[in-house]
């Protein structure tokens, strides 16, 4: 259950202020992602197989398309968080990183007291309705401080050694098929046949090349499209149908499991920042 959400957008991407009590299933984002706990239940995150226990001294850092999940308390007690969704290229330019270098080299980010206090201060400003210019300045200043702190943990040689582009043409073709058919119901047996692989070989190769299963990658694409469509005037039923869901209820459950909030609350927050 989520009782509130507030969004702020900028050149960096966007930041969400969340009050949420539901777990997040394993998912990913096209943006880099940073989570800072503020109050209530902190829970723990699993990021690429590493466990991060959030708290006033620890934030979570997630690279673009890196699988992660978040387990909260079993008693339904909510937690408050700042969730940053950062354009990786925007951040790489500010850090002087080579293309394809992951923004974060570790999943956990120890927070000095001043940095945590700055996050709490930004949370207060966003909740108090600070003007766009002030909120934008404070948000970018905090993000700069956070990514600088994360960059301190990066080995020097990793700053210039970019990861190679995805080489296997079959994985590239599969991703293109997913993007072209994001509004349809998908059958991965058909996708595997289209790229000339058996289902087991396709799943193994896809995970090797992307660090994600085809299912999680597909759901990431659908969430990106859902976020776009929720900013339109289409009804929730229409958005659900556009994304291949059989009912609005199924779409709502999918969205809540991946975003932590129901689509109605996300739409309200998105319209408030338009």
C-alpha atoms as a PDB file:
ATOM      1  CA  UNK A   1       0.000   0.000   0.000  1.00  0.00           C
ATOM      2  CA  UNK A   2       1.302   3.462  -0.918  1.00  0.00           C
ATOM      3  CA  UNK A   3      -0.172   6.632   0.537  1.00  0.00           C
ATOM      4  CA  UNK A   4       1.770   9.293  -1.354  1.00  0.00           C
ATOM      5  CA  UNK A   5       4.148  10.052  -4.200  1.00  0.00           C
ATOM      6  CA  UNK A   6       5.671  13.301  -5.410  1.00  0.00           C
ATOM      7  CA  UNK A   7       7.768  13.778  -8.545  1.00  0.00           C
ATOM      8  CA  UNK A   8      10.294  16.394  -9.575  1.00  0.00           C
ATOM      9  CA  UNK A   9      11.823  16.396 -13.076  1.00  0.00           C
ATOM     10  CA  UNK A  10      15.034  17.951 -14.366  1.00  0.00           C
ATOM     11  CA  UNK A  11      17.819  17.531 -16.908  1.00  0.00           C
ATOM     12  CA  UNK A  12      19.229  14.734 -14.720  1.00  0.00           C
ATOM     13  CA  UNK A  13      16.026  12.631 -14.942  1.00  0.00           C
ATOM     14  CA  UNK A  14      13.551  12.684 -12.074  1.00  0.00           C
ATOM     15  CA  UNK A  15      13.299  12.163  -8.339  1.00  0.00           C
ATOM     16  CA  UNK A  16      10.368  10.592  -6.516  1.00  0.00           C
ATOM     17  CA  UNK A  17       9.394  11.140  -2.911  1.00  0.00           C
ATOM     18  CA  UNK A  18       7.732   7.902  -1.811  1.00  0.00           C
ATOM     19  CA  UNK A  19       5.808   6.693   1.215  1.00  0.00           C
ATOM     20  CA  UNK A  20       5.464   2.999   0.477  1.00  0.00           C
ATOM     21  CA  UNK A  21       4.871  -0.283   2.306  1.00  0.00           C
ATOM     22  CA  UNK A  22       4.679  -2.821  -0.530  1.00  0.00           C
ATOM     23  CA  UNK A  23       7.598  -4.935  -1.746  1.00  0.00           C
ATOM     24  CA  UNK A  24       9.194  -4.402  -5.141  1.00  0.00           C
ATOM     25  CA  UNK A  25       9.622  -7.475  -7.318  1.00  0.00           C
ATOM     26  CA  UNK A  26      12.842  -7.996  -9.259  1.00  0.00           C
ATOM     27  CA  UNK A  27      12.893  -5.328 -11.945  1.00  0.00           C
ATOM     28  CA  UNK A  28      15.182  -2.863 -13.711  1.00  0.00           C
ATOM     29  CA  UNK A  29      15.179   0.664 -15.139  1.00  0.00           C
ATOM     30  CA  UNK A  30      16.683   2.277 -18.212  1.00  0.00           C
ATOM     31  CA  UNK A  31      18.025   4.973 -15.880  1.00  0.00           C
ATOM     32  CA  UNK A  32      20.581   4.655 -13.116  1.00  0.00           C
ATOM     33  CA  UNK A  33      18.888   4.564  -9.744  1.00  0.00           C
ATOM     34  CA  UNK A  34      19.723   5.720  -6.208  1.00  0.00           C
ATOM     35  CA  UNK A  35      17.574   5.046  -3.130  1.00  0.00           C
ATOM     36  CA  UNK A  36      17.892   6.919   0.169  1.00  0.00           C
ATOM     37  CA  UNK A  37      15.868   5.896   3.215  1.00  0.00           C
ATOM     38  CA  UNK A  38      14.370   8.765   5.212  1.00  0.00           C
ATOM     39  CA  UNK A  39      11.953   7.418   7.814  1.00  0.00           C
ATOM     40  CA  UNK A  40       9.865   4.393   8.835  1.00  0.00           C
ATOM     41  CA  UNK A  41      10.645   0.911   7.525  1.00  0.00           C
ATOM     42  CA  UNK A  42      13.933   0.715   5.610  1.00  0.00           C
ATOM     43  CA  UNK A  43      13.922  -2.914   4.481  1.00  0.00           C
ATOM     44  CA  UNK A  44      16.726  -4.373   2.404  1.00  0.00           C
ATOM     45  CA  UNK A  45      17.455  -4.405  -1.300  1.00  0.00           C
ATOM     46  CA  UNK A  46      18.960  -7.113  -3.465  1.00  0.00           C
ATOM     47  CA  UNK A  47      20.966  -5.553  -6.297  1.00  0.00           C
ATOM     48  CA  UNK A  48      22.627  -7.848  -8.789  1.00  0.00           C
ATOM     49  CA  UNK A  49      22.928 -10.506  -6.093  1.00  0.00           C
ATOM     50  CA  UNK A  50      24.273  -8.140  -3.419  1.00  0.00           C
ATOM     51  CA  UNK A  51      22.234  -7.293  -0.311  1.00  0.00           C
ATOM     52  CA  UNK A  52      22.051  -3.644   0.762  1.00  0.00           C
ATOM     53  CA  UNK A  53      20.449  -2.756   4.091  1.00  0.00           C
ATOM     54  CA  UNK A  54      19.199   0.790   3.837  1.00  0.00           C
ATOM     55  CA  UNK A  55      19.420   3.253   6.712  1.00  0.00           C
ATOM     56  CA  UNK A  56      20.637   6.749   7.587  1.00  0.00           C
ATOM     57  CA  UNK A  57      24.210   5.672   6.884  1.00  0.00           C
ATOM     58  CA  UNK A  58      23.620   3.618   3.735  1.00  0.00           C
ATOM     59  CA  UNK A  59      22.067   4.296   0.313  1.00  0.00           C
ATOM     60  CA  UNK A  60      21.619   1.957  -2.648  1.00  0.00           C
ATOM     61  CA  UNK A  61      23.147   2.477  -6.104  1.00  0.00           C
ATOM     62  CA  UNK A  62      21.752   0.654  -9.139  1.00  0.00           C
ATOM     63  CA  UNK A  63      23.045   0.838 -12.704  1.00  0.00           C
ATOM     64  CA  UNK A  64      20.833   1.063 -15.760  1.00  0.00           C
ATOM     65  CA  UNK A  65      19.215  -2.295 -16.550  1.00  0.00           C
ATOM     66  CA  UNK A  66      20.615  -3.865 -13.366  1.00  0.00           C
ATOM     67  CA  UNK A  67      18.141  -6.249 -11.684  1.00  0.00           C
ATOM     68  CA  UNK A  68      17.057  -5.316  -8.167  1.00  0.00           C
ATOM     69  CA  UNK A  69      14.263  -5.889  -5.650  1.00  0.00           C
ATOM     70  CA  UNK A  70      13.262  -4.363  -2.321  1.00  0.00           C
ATOM     71  CA  UNK A  71      11.806  -6.280   0.642  1.00  0.00           C
ATOM     72  CA  UNK A  72      10.052  -4.175   3.274  1.00  0.00           C
ATOM     73  CA  UNK A  73       8.546  -5.237   6.606  1.00  0.00           C
ATOM     74  CA  UNK A  74       6.074  -8.085   6.889  1.00  0.00           C
ATOM     75  CA  UNK A  75       3.734  -6.037   9.110  1.00  0.00           C
ATOM     76  CA  UNK A  76       2.920  -3.508   6.386  1.00  0.00           C
ATOM     77  CA  UNK A  77       4.620  -0.559   8.116  1.00  0.00           C
ATOM     78  CA  UNK A  78       5.500   2.066   5.489  1.00  0.00           C
ATOM     79  CA  UNK A  79       8.855   3.630   4.775  1.00  0.00           C
ATOM     80  CA  UNK A  80       9.761   7.005   3.289  1.00  0.00           C
ATOM     81  CA  UNK A  81      12.383   7.227   0.547  1.00  0.00           C
ATOM     82  CA  UNK A  82      13.992   9.524  -1.970  1.00  0.00           C
ATOM     83  CA  UNK A  83      14.312   7.635  -5.259  1.00  0.00           C
ATOM     84  CA  UNK A  84      16.526   9.199  -7.937  1.00  0.00           C
ATOM     85  CA  UNK A  85      16.225   8.110 -11.579  1.00  0.00           C
ATOM     86  CA  UNK A  86      19.353   9.466 -13.276  1.00  0.00           C
ATOM     87  CA  UNK A  87      20.142   9.661 -16.998  1.00  0.00           C
ATOM     88  CA  UNK A  88      23.412   7.670 -17.177  1.00  0.00           C
ATOM     89  CA  UNK A  89      24.828   9.812 -19.996  1.00  0.00           C
ATOM     90  CA  UNK A  90      24.097  13.011 -18.046  1.00  0.00           C
ATOM     91  CA  UNK A  91      26.026  11.605 -15.076  1.00  0.00           C
ATOM     92  CA  UNK A  92      28.914  10.253 -17.187  1.00  0.00           C
ATOM     93  CA  UNK A  93      29.440  13.677 -18.738  1.00  0.00           C
ATOM     94  CA  UNK A  94      29.628  15.277 -15.295  1.00  0.00           C
ATOM     95  CA  UNK A  95      32.100  12.654 -14.060  1.00  0.00           C
ATOM     96  CA  UNK A  96      34.134  12.472 -17.263  1.00  0.00           C
ATOM     97  CA  UNK A  97      33.512   8.722 -17.611  1.00  0.00           C
ATOM     98  CA  UNK A  98      34.007   6.872 -20.876  1.00  0.00           C
ATOM     99  CA  UNK A  99      30.899   5.660 -22.731  1.00  0.00           C
ATOM    100  CA  UNK A 100      29.492   2.327 -21.527  1.00  0.00           C
ATOM    101  CA  UNK A 101      31.265   2.554 -18.160  1.00  0.00           C
ATOM    102  CA  UNK A 102      28.684   1.655 -15.468  1.00  0.00           C
ATOM    103  CA  UNK A 103      27.880   4.677 -13.352  1.00  0.00           C
ATOM    104  CA  UNK A 104      28.252   2.731 -10.085  1.00  0.00           C
ATOM    105  CA  UNK A 105      30.963   0.195  -9.277  1.00  0.00           C
ATOM    106  CA  UNK A 106      29.326  -0.907  -5.993  1.00  0.00           C
ATOM    107  CA  UNK A 107      25.699  -1.308  -4.950  1.00  0.00           C
ATOM    108  CA  UNK A 108      26.016   0.198  -1.453  1.00  0.00           C
ATOM    109  CA  UNK A 109      26.940   3.809  -0.754  1.00  0.00           C
ATOM    110  CA  UNK A 110      27.939   4.796   2.803  1.00  0.00           C
ATOM    111  CA  UNK A 111      26.470   8.221   3.595  1.00  0.00           C
ATOM    112  CA  UNK A 112      28.321  10.789   5.674  1.00  0.00           C
ATOM    113  CA  UNK A 113      26.091  12.641   8.135  1.00  0.00           C
ATOM    114  CA  UNK A 114      26.147  15.850   6.090  1.00  0.00           C
ATOM    115  CA  UNK A 115      25.076  13.976   2.951  1.00  0.00           C
ATOM    116  CA  UNK A 116      22.194  12.269   4.722  1.00  0.00           C
ATOM    117  CA  UNK A 117      21.098  15.609   6.219  1.00  0.00           C
ATOM    118  CA  UNK A 118      21.185  17.130   2.731  1.00  0.00           C
ATOM    119  CA  UNK A 119      18.855  14.364   1.506  1.00  0.00           C
ATOM    120  CA  UNK A 120      16.448  15.024   4.367  1.00  0.00           C
ATOM    121  CA  UNK A 121      16.588  18.741   3.561  1.00  0.00           C
ATOM    122  CA  UNK A 122      15.739  18.090  -0.097  1.00  0.00           C
ATOM    123  CA  UNK A 123      12.860  15.848   0.964  1.00  0.00           C
ATOM    124  CA  UNK A 124      11.482  18.669   3.112  1.00  0.00           C
ATOM    125  CA  UNK A 125      11.835  21.193   0.285  1.00  0.00           C
ATOM    126  CA  UNK A 126      10.068  18.970  -2.240  1.00  0.00           C
ATOM    127  CA  UNK A 127       7.252  18.218   0.211  1.00  0.00           C
ATOM    128  CA  UNK A 128       6.891  21.916   1.051  1.00  0.00           C
ATOM    129  CA  UNK A 129       6.459  22.758  -2.621  1.00  0.00           C
ATOM    130  CA  UNK A 130       9.730  24.607  -3.207  1.00  0.00           C
ATOM    131  CA  UNK A 131       9.865  26.511  -6.480  1.00  0.00           C
ATOM    132  CA  UNK A 132      11.117  24.723  -9.574  1.00  0.00           C
ATOM    133  CA  UNK A 133      14.346  26.736  -9.772  1.00  0.00           C
ATOM    134  CA  UNK A 134      15.269  26.140  -6.129  1.00  0.00           C
ATOM    135  CA  UNK A 135      14.228  22.473  -6.191  1.00  0.00           C
ATOM    136  CA  UNK A 136      16.170  21.920  -9.417  1.00  0.00           C
ATOM    137  CA  UNK A 137      19.327  23.506  -8.010  1.00  0.00           C
ATOM    138  CA  UNK A 138      19.167  21.600  -4.719  1.00  0.00           C
ATOM    139  CA  UNK A 139      18.380  18.303  -6.466  1.00  0.00           C
ATOM    140  CA  UNK A 140      21.266  18.552  -8.929  1.00  0.00           C
ATOM    141  CA  UNK A 141      23.647  19.634  -6.154  1.00  0.00           C
ATOM    142  CA  UNK A 142      22.693  16.585  -4.077  1.00  0.00           C
ATOM    143  CA  UNK A 143      22.970  14.224  -7.047  1.00  0.00           C
ATOM    144  CA  UNK A 144      26.431  15.627  -7.824  1.00  0.00           C
ATOM    145  CA  UNK A 145      27.494  14.956  -4.238  1.00  0.00           C
ATOM    146  CA  UNK A 146      26.043  11.437  -4.281  1.00  0.00           C
ATOM    147  CA  UNK A 147      27.615  10.357  -7.569  1.00  0.00           C
ATOM    148  CA  UNK A 148      30.930  11.928  -6.536  1.00  0.00           C
ATOM    149  CA  UNK A 149      30.823   9.871  -3.324  1.00  0.00           C
ATOM    150  CA  UNK A 150      29.989   6.721  -5.306  1.00  0.00           C
ATOM    151  CA  UNK A 151      32.755   7.466  -7.799  1.00  0.00           C
ATOM    152  CA  UNK A 152      35.353   7.494  -5.016  1.00  0.00           C
ATOM    153  CA  UNK A 153      34.919   3.711  -4.756  1.00  0.00           C
ATOM    154  CA  UNK A 154      35.659   3.168  -8.450  1.00  0.00           C
ATOM    155  CA  UNK A 155      39.048   1.648  -9.389  1.00  0.00           C
ATOM    156  CA  UNK A 156      41.021   4.147 -11.487  1.00  0.00           C
ATOM    157  CA  UNK A 157      41.339   1.816 -14.486  1.00  0.00           C
ATOM    158  CA  UNK A 158      37.545   1.369 -14.573  1.00  0.00           C
ATOM    159  CA  UNK A 159      37.081   5.080 -15.380  1.00  0.00           C
ATOM    160  CA  UNK A 160      38.403   4.617 -18.908  1.00  0.00           C
ATOM    161  CA  UNK A 161      37.714   0.940 -19.603  1.00  0.00           C
ATOM    162  CA  UNK A 162      34.266   0.869 -21.095  1.00  0.00           C
ATOM    163  CA  UNK A 163      32.226  -2.296 -21.324  1.00  0.00           C
ATOM    164  CA  UNK A 164      32.022  -3.569 -24.858  1.00  0.00           C
ATOM    165  CA  UNK A 165      28.805  -3.166 -26.770  1.00  0.00           C
ATOM    166  CA  UNK A 166      26.523  -6.148 -26.913  1.00  0.00           C
ATOM    167  CA  UNK A 167      28.096  -8.344 -29.585  1.00  0.00           C
ATOM    168  CA  UNK A 168      25.684 -11.186 -30.192  1.00  0.00           C
ATOM    169  CA  UNK A 169      23.340 -10.239 -33.034  1.00  0.00           C
ATOM    170  CA  UNK A 170      20.688 -12.676 -31.782  1.00  0.00           C
ATOM    171  CA  UNK A 171      20.304 -10.834 -28.482  1.00  0.00           C
ATOM    172  CA  UNK A 172      20.201  -7.493 -30.331  1.00  0.00           C
ATOM    173  CA  UNK A 173      17.500  -8.877 -32.623  1.00  0.00           C
ATOM    174  CA  UNK A 174      15.491 -10.210 -29.673  1.00  0.00           C
ATOM    175  CA  UNK A 175      15.578  -6.806 -27.942  1.00  0.00           C
ATOM    176  CA  UNK A 176      14.467  -5.086 -31.129  1.00  0.00           C
ATOM    177  CA  UNK A 177      11.555  -7.523 -31.415  1.00  0.00           C
ATOM    178  CA  UNK A 178      10.570  -6.762 -27.812  1.00  0.00           C
ATOM    179  CA  UNK A 179      10.675  -3.006 -28.421  1.00  0.00           C
ATOM    180  CA  UNK A 180       8.628  -3.261 -31.609  1.00  0.00           C
ATOM    181  CA  UNK A 181       5.973  -5.363 -29.863  1.00  0.00           C
ATOM    182  CA  UNK A 182       5.902  -3.762 -26.410  1.00  0.00           C
ATOM    183  CA  UNK A 183       2.128  -3.374 -26.692  1.00  0.00           C
ATOM    184  CA  UNK A 184       1.508  -7.058 -27.395  1.00  0.00           C
ATOM    185  CA  UNK A 185       1.449 -10.194 -25.291  1.00  0.00           C
ATOM    186  CA  UNK A 186       4.788 -11.906 -25.773  1.00  0.00           C
ATOM    187  CA  UNK A 187       5.772 -15.543 -26.199  1.00  0.00           C
ATOM    188  CA  UNK A 188       9.471 -16.123 -25.589  1.00  0.00           C
ATOM    189  CA  UNK A 189       9.351 -19.440 -27.429  1.00  0.00           C
ATOM    190  CA  UNK A 190       8.435 -17.432 -30.542  1.00  0.00           C
ATOM    191  CA  UNK A 191      11.175 -14.870 -29.861  1.00  0.00           C
ATOM    192  CA  UNK A 192      13.734 -17.668 -29.459  1.00  0.00           C
ATOM    193  CA  UNK A 193      12.650 -19.230 -32.767  1.00  0.00           C
ATOM    194  CA  UNK A 194      12.829 -15.839 -34.523  1.00  0.00           C
ATOM    195  CA  UNK A 195      16.465 -15.434 -33.500  1.00  0.00           C
ATOM    196  CA  UNK A 196      17.363 -19.051 -34.306  1.00  0.00           C
ATOM    197  CA  UNK A 197      17.809 -20.410 -30.780  1.00  0.00           C
ATOM    198  CA  UNK A 198      16.193 -22.968 -28.541  1.00  0.00           C
ATOM    199  CA  UNK A 199      14.392 -21.527 -25.526  1.00  0.00           C
ATOM    200  CA  UNK A 200      17.069 -22.691 -22.986  1.00  0.00           C
ATOM    201  CA  UNK A 201      19.921 -21.389 -25.172  1.00  0.00           C
ATOM    202  CA  UNK A 202      18.092 -18.078 -25.732  1.00  0.00           C
ATOM    203  CA  UNK A 203      17.492 -17.530 -22.005  1.00  0.00           C
ATOM    204  CA  UNK A 204      21.087 -18.415 -21.126  1.00  0.00           C
ATOM    205  CA  UNK A 205      22.593 -16.187 -23.834  1.00  0.00           C
ATOM    206  CA  UNK A 206      20.283 -13.268 -23.016  1.00  0.00           C
ATOM    207  CA  UNK A 207      21.187 -13.416 -19.310  1.00  0.00           C
ATOM    208  CA  UNK A 208      24.897 -13.669 -20.161  1.00  0.00           C
ATOM    209  CA  UNK A 209      24.753 -10.593 -22.400  1.00  0.00           C
ATOM    210  CA  UNK A 210      22.413  -8.326 -20.398  1.00  0.00           C
ATOM    211  CA  UNK A 211      22.543  -9.632 -16.792  1.00  0.00           C
ATOM    212  CA  UNK A 212      18.745  -9.806 -16.966  1.00  0.00           C
ATOM    213  CA  UNK A 213      16.350 -12.598 -17.860  1.00  0.00           C
ATOM    214  CA  UNK A 214      14.195 -11.944 -20.941  1.00  0.00           C
ATOM    215  CA  UNK A 215      11.151 -11.644 -18.642  1.00  0.00           C
ATOM    216  CA  UNK A 216      12.695  -8.889 -16.491  1.00  0.00           C
ATOM    217  CA  UNK A 217      13.985  -7.032 -19.566  1.00  0.00           C
ATOM    218  CA  UNK A 218      10.526  -7.255 -21.147  1.00  0.00           C
ATOM    219  CA  UNK A 219       8.877  -5.927 -18.011  1.00  0.00           C
ATOM    220  CA  UNK A 220      11.403  -3.069 -17.920  1.00  0.00           C
ATOM    221  CA  UNK A 221      10.374  -2.066 -21.438  1.00  0.00           C
ATOM    222  CA  UNK A 222       6.692  -2.285 -20.522  1.00  0.00           C
ATOM    223  CA  UNK A 223       7.210  -0.137 -17.435  1.00  0.00           C
ATOM    224  CA  UNK A 224       9.022   2.515 -19.481  1.00  0.00           C
ATOM    225  CA  UNK A 225       6.100   2.577 -21.912  1.00  0.00           C
ATOM    226  CA  UNK A 226       3.563   2.613 -19.085  1.00  0.00           C
ATOM    227  CA  UNK A 227       5.231   5.667 -17.514  1.00  0.00           C
ATOM    228  CA  UNK A 228       4.958   7.482 -20.844  1.00  0.00           C
ATOM    229  CA  UNK A 229       1.351   6.520 -21.486  1.00  0.00           C
ATOM    230  CA  UNK A 230       0.220   7.474 -17.987  1.00  0.00           C
ATOM    231  CA  UNK A 231       1.123  11.066 -18.864  1.00  0.00           C
ATOM    232  CA  UNK A 232      -1.445  11.015 -21.674  1.00  0.00           C
ATOM    233  CA  UNK A 233      -5.193  11.512 -21.401  1.00  0.00           C
ATOM    234  CA  UNK A 234      -5.955   7.840 -22.105  1.00  0.00           C
ATOM    235  CA  UNK A 235      -7.965   5.983 -19.471  1.00  0.00           C
ATOM    236  CA  UNK A 236      -6.240   3.376 -17.333  1.00  0.00           C
ATOM    237  CA  UNK A 237      -8.214   0.708 -19.172  1.00  0.00           C
ATOM    238  CA  UNK A 238      -6.869   1.994 -22.490  1.00  0.00           C
ATOM    239  CA  UNK A 239      -3.303   2.094 -21.177  1.00  0.00           C
ATOM    240  CA  UNK A 240      -3.692  -1.479 -19.918  1.00  0.00           C
ATOM    241  CA  UNK A 241      -4.972  -2.635 -23.321  1.00  0.00           C
ATOM    242  CA  UNK A 242      -2.232  -0.722 -25.141  1.00  0.00           C
ATOM    243  CA  UNK A 243       0.344  -2.700 -23.168  1.00  0.00           C
ATOM    244  CA  UNK A 244      -1.245  -6.097 -23.752  1.00  0.00           C
ATOM    245  CA  UNK A 245      -2.841  -6.599 -20.332  1.00  0.00           C
ATOM    246  CA  UNK A 246      -6.143  -8.460 -20.217  1.00  0.00           C
ATOM    247  CA  UNK A 247      -7.628  -6.158 -17.574  1.00  0.00           C
ATOM    248  CA  UNK A 248      -6.999  -2.883 -15.778  1.00  0.00           C
ATOM    249  CA  UNK A 249      -6.631  -4.837 -12.521  1.00  0.00           C
ATOM    250  CA  UNK A 250      -3.760  -6.909 -13.940  1.00  0.00           C
ATOM    251  CA  UNK A 251      -2.034  -3.744 -15.135  1.00  0.00           C
ATOM    252  CA  UNK A 252      -2.476  -2.064 -11.740  1.00  0.00           C
ATOM    253  CA  UNK A 253      -0.923  -5.044  -9.931  1.00  0.00           C
ATOM    254  CA  UNK A 254       1.980  -5.128 -12.406  1.00  0.00           C
ATOM    255  CA  UNK A 255       2.628  -1.391 -12.061  1.00  0.00           C
ATOM    256  CA  UNK A 256       2.412  -1.426  -8.243  1.00  0.00           C
ATOM    257  CA  UNK A 257       4.796  -4.404  -8.002  1.00  0.00           C
ATOM    258  CA  UNK A 258       7.395  -2.603 -10.145  1.00  0.00           C
ATOM    259  CA  UNK A 259       6.961   1.033  -9.080  1.00  0.00           C
ATOM    260  CA  UNK A 260       5.697   0.652  -5.518  1.00  0.00           C
ATOM    261  CA  UNK A 261       2.696   2.864  -6.258  1.00  0.00           C
ATOM    262  CA  UNK A 262      -0.574   2.292  -8.149  1.00  0.00           C
ATOM    263  CA  UNK A 263      -0.792   3.947 -11.585  1.00  0.00           C
ATOM    264  CA  UNK A 264      -3.492   6.356 -10.398  1.00  0.00           C
ATOM    265  CA  UNK A 265      -1.134   7.936  -7.854  1.00  0.00           C
ATOM    266  CA  UNK A 266       1.721   8.068 -10.351  1.00  0.00           C
ATOM    267  CA  UNK A 267      -0.528   9.804 -12.907  1.00  0.00           C
ATOM    268  CA  UNK A 268      -1.656  12.390 -10.336  1.00  0.00           C
ATOM    269  CA  UNK A 269       1.951  13.147  -9.369  1.00  0.00           C
ATOM    270  CA  UNK A 270       3.083  13.315 -13.013  1.00  0.00           C
ATOM    271  CA  UNK A 271       0.300  15.758 -13.907  1.00  0.00           C
ATOM    272  CA  UNK A 272       1.160  17.929 -10.916  1.00  0.00           C
ATOM    273  CA  UNK A 273       4.670  18.426 -12.355  1.00  0.00           C
ATOM    274  CA  UNK A 274       3.591  18.966 -15.979  1.00  0.00           C
END
